[in-house]
Amino acid sequence: MSTWLGWIWSTPFMTVKVIGRIHIEALRLWRRGAPLFRKPSAPRRESATGRGAIDAAPEQSA
């Protein structure tokens, strides 16, 4: 039973450990001068006017 309780107790801390390791590695890369790439902005989409693809349903043949 102590193994089960130990697992229940340690499981939430796994997430914290993983997030911490990711941030530590990011800090190491930043200190070494690794370039930072930002996420590009999403392309602009035109809105559908009138009967667009969303309004039109495919015809069902019987």
N, C-alpha and C. Protein backbone atom coordinates (compact mmCIF):
# COMPACT_ATOMS: atom_id res chain seq x y z
N MET A 1 0.82 -1.20 0.00
CA MET A 1 0.00 0.00 0.00
C MET A 1 0.86 1.25 0.00
N SER A 2 2.02 1.18 0.63
CA SER A 2 2.88 2.37 0.67
C SER A 2 3.38 2.73 -0.73
N THR A 3 3.56 1.74 -1.59
CA THR A 3 3.98 2.02 -2.96
C THR A 3 2.90 2.79 -3.70
N TRP A 4 1.66 2.39 -3.51
CA TRP A 4 0.53 3.05 -4.16
C TRP A 4 0.40 4.48 -3.68
N LEU A 5 0.52 4.70 -2.39
CA LEU A 5 0.44 6.06 -1.85
C LEU A 5 1.61 6.92 -2.32
N GLY A 6 2.77 6.31 -2.41
CA GLY A 6 3.93 7.04 -2.91
C GLY A 6 3.74 7.46 -4.35
N TRP A 7 3.14 6.59 -5.14
CA TRP A 7 2.87 6.92 -6.54
C TRP A 7 1.86 8.06 -6.64
N ILE A 8 0.78 7.99 -5.85
CA ILE A 8 -0.24 9.05 -5.85
C ILE A 8 0.39 10.38 -5.43
N TRP A 9 1.27 10.36 -4.46
CA TRP A 9 1.90 11.59 -3.97
C TRP A 9 2.87 12.17 -4.98
N SER A 10 3.61 11.32 -5.70
CA SER A 10 4.67 11.82 -6.58
C SER A 10 4.17 12.18 -7.97
N THR A 11 3.02 11.67 -8.40
CA THR A 11 2.55 11.91 -9.75
C THR A 11 2.34 13.39 -10.07
N PRO A 12 1.68 14.19 -9.23
CA PRO A 12 1.52 15.61 -9.57
C PRO A 12 2.86 16.34 -9.69
N PHE A 13 3.86 15.89 -8.96
CA PHE A 13 5.16 16.55 -9.01
C PHE A 13 5.93 16.22 -10.28
N MET A 14 5.54 15.16 -10.98
CA MET A 14 6.17 14.84 -12.26
C MET A 14 5.95 15.97 -13.25
N THR A 15 4.75 16.50 -13.29
CA THR A 15 4.44 17.60 -14.20
C THR A 15 5.29 18.82 -13.87
N VAL A 16 5.42 19.13 -12.61
CA VAL A 16 6.23 20.28 -12.18
C VAL A 16 7.69 20.04 -12.56
N LYS A 17 8.17 18.82 -12.39
CA LYS A 17 9.56 18.51 -12.73
C LYS A 17 9.81 18.66 -14.23
N VAL A 18 8.87 18.19 -15.04
CA VAL A 18 9.03 18.29 -16.50
C VAL A 18 9.03 19.74 -16.94
N ILE A 19 8.09 20.52 -16.43
CA ILE A 19 8.03 21.95 -16.79
C ILE A 19 9.29 22.66 -16.33
N GLY A 20 9.77 22.33 -15.15
CA GLY A 20 11.01 22.93 -14.65
C GLY A 20 12.20 22.59 -15.53
N ARG A 21 12.31 21.33 -15.94
CA ARG A 21 13.42 20.92 -16.81
C ARG A 21 13.37 21.61 -18.16
N ILE A 22 12.17 21.79 -18.71
CA ILE A 22 12.04 22.49 -19.98
C ILE A 22 12.53 23.92 -19.84
N HIS A 23 12.16 24.58 -18.76
CA HIS A 23 12.59 25.97 -18.56
C HIS A 23 14.09 26.07 -18.28
N ILE A 24 14.64 25.11 -17.57
CA ILE A 24 16.08 25.12 -17.32
C ILE A 24 16.84 24.95 -18.64
N GLU A 25 16.37 24.05 -19.50
CA GLU A 25 17.03 23.85 -20.79
C GLU A 25 16.90 25.10 -21.66
N ALA A 26 15.74 25.75 -21.62
CA ALA A 26 15.56 26.99 -22.37
C ALA A 26 16.51 28.07 -21.87
N LEU A 27 16.71 28.16 -20.57
CA LEU A 27 17.64 29.14 -20.01
C LEU A 27 19.07 28.84 -20.45
N ARG A 28 19.44 27.57 -20.47
CA ARG A 28 20.79 27.21 -20.93
C ARG A 28 21.00 27.59 -22.39
N LEU A 29 20.00 27.31 -23.23
CA LEU A 29 20.11 27.67 -24.64
C LEU A 29 20.19 29.17 -24.82
N TRP A 30 19.39 29.91 -24.06
CA TRP A 30 19.40 31.37 -24.14
C TRP A 30 20.77 31.93 -23.73
N ARG A 31 21.37 31.36 -22.68
CA ARG A 31 22.69 31.82 -22.22
C ARG A 31 23.77 31.54 -23.25
N ARG A 32 23.60 30.47 -24.04
CA ARG A 32 24.58 30.14 -25.08
C ARG A 32 24.38 30.97 -26.34
N GLY A 33 23.31 31.75 -26.38
CA GLY A 33 23.09 32.62 -27.53
C GLY A 33 22.28 31.99 -28.65
N ALA A 34 21.49 30.99 -28.33
CA ALA A 34 20.65 30.36 -29.35
C ALA A 34 19.60 31.37 -29.82
N PRO A 35 19.31 31.40 -31.12
CA PRO A 35 18.33 32.36 -31.62
C PRO A 35 16.93 32.02 -31.13
N LEU A 36 16.13 33.05 -30.95
CA LEU A 36 14.77 32.89 -30.51
C LEU A 36 13.84 33.06 -31.71
N PHE A 37 13.01 32.08 -31.95
CA PHE A 37 12.06 32.14 -33.06
C PHE A 37 10.67 32.32 -32.49
N ARG A 38 10.02 33.39 -32.92
CA ARG A 38 8.66 33.64 -32.47
C ARG A 38 7.67 32.96 -33.40
N LYS A 39 6.51 32.66 -32.89
CA LYS A 39 5.46 32.03 -33.67
C LYS A 39 4.92 33.04 -34.68
N PRO A 40 4.85 32.68 -35.97
CA PRO A 40 4.33 33.63 -36.96
C PRO A 40 2.85 33.87 -36.74
N SER A 41 2.40 35.05 -37.12
CA SER A 41 0.98 35.35 -36.96
C SER A 41 0.16 34.55 -37.97
N ALA A 42 -1.08 34.27 -37.62
CA ALA A 42 -1.95 33.48 -38.48
C ALA A 42 -2.32 34.29 -39.72
N PRO A 43 -2.45 33.62 -40.86
CA PRO A 43 -2.84 34.36 -42.07
C PRO A 43 -4.28 34.85 -41.94
N ARG A 44 -4.58 35.98 -42.58
CA ARG A 44 -5.92 36.53 -42.54
C ARG A 44 -6.81 35.74 -43.49
N ARG A 45 -7.99 35.43 -43.05
CA ARG A 45 -8.94 34.69 -43.88
C ARG A 45 -10.10 35.60 -44.24
N GLU A 46 -10.58 35.43 -45.43
CA GLU A 46 -11.76 36.18 -45.86
C GLU A 46 -13.00 35.52 -45.27
N SER A 47 -13.95 36.32 -44.84
CA SER A 47 -15.19 35.75 -44.32
C SER A 47 -16.12 35.41 -45.47
N ALA A 48 -16.91 34.37 -45.28
CA ALA A 48 -17.84 33.95 -46.32
C ALA A 48 -19.04 34.89 -46.33
N THR A 49 -19.43 35.33 -47.51
CA THR A 49 -20.60 36.17 -47.64
C THR A 49 -21.62 35.46 -48.51
N GLY A 50 -22.89 35.67 -48.25
CA GLY A 50 -23.92 35.01 -49.05
C GLY A 50 -23.97 33.54 -48.75
N ARG A 51 -24.15 32.73 -49.79
CA ARG A 51 -24.16 31.28 -49.61
C ARG A 51 -22.75 30.74 -49.82
N GLY A 52 -22.05 30.61 -48.74
CA GLY A 52 -20.69 30.09 -48.81
C GLY A 52 -20.67 28.59 -48.62
N ALA A 53 -19.51 28.06 -48.45
CA ALA A 53 -19.34 26.62 -48.29
C ALA A 53 -19.98 26.13 -47.00
N ILE A 54 -20.11 26.99 -46.02
CA ILE A 54 -20.68 26.58 -44.75
C ILE A 54 -22.19 26.38 -44.90
N ASP A 55 -22.85 27.26 -45.68
CA ASP A 55 -24.30 27.20 -45.83
C ASP A 55 -24.74 26.07 -46.77
N ALA A 56 -23.95 25.78 -47.77
CA ALA A 56 -24.35 24.81 -48.78
C ALA A 56 -24.10 23.39 -48.30
N ALA A 57 -25.16 22.59 -48.28
CA ALA A 57 -25.04 21.18 -47.90
C ALA A 57 -25.02 20.35 -49.17
N PRO A 58 -24.25 19.27 -49.20
CA PRO A 58 -24.23 18.43 -50.40
C PRO A 58 -25.58 17.77 -50.63
N GLU A 59 -25.96 17.63 -51.88
CA GLU A 59 -27.24 17.01 -52.23
C GLU A 59 -27.16 15.52 -51.97
N GLN A 60 -28.23 14.98 -51.41
CA GLN A 60 -28.31 13.55 -51.13
C GLN A 60 -29.12 12.90 -52.24
N SER A 61 -28.57 11.87 -52.88
CA SER A 61 -29.31 11.16 -53.92
C SER A 61 -29.91 9.89 -53.32
N ALA A 62 -31.15 9.62 -53.67
CA ALA A 62 -31.84 8.47 -53.08
C ALA A 62 -31.75 7.25 -53.96
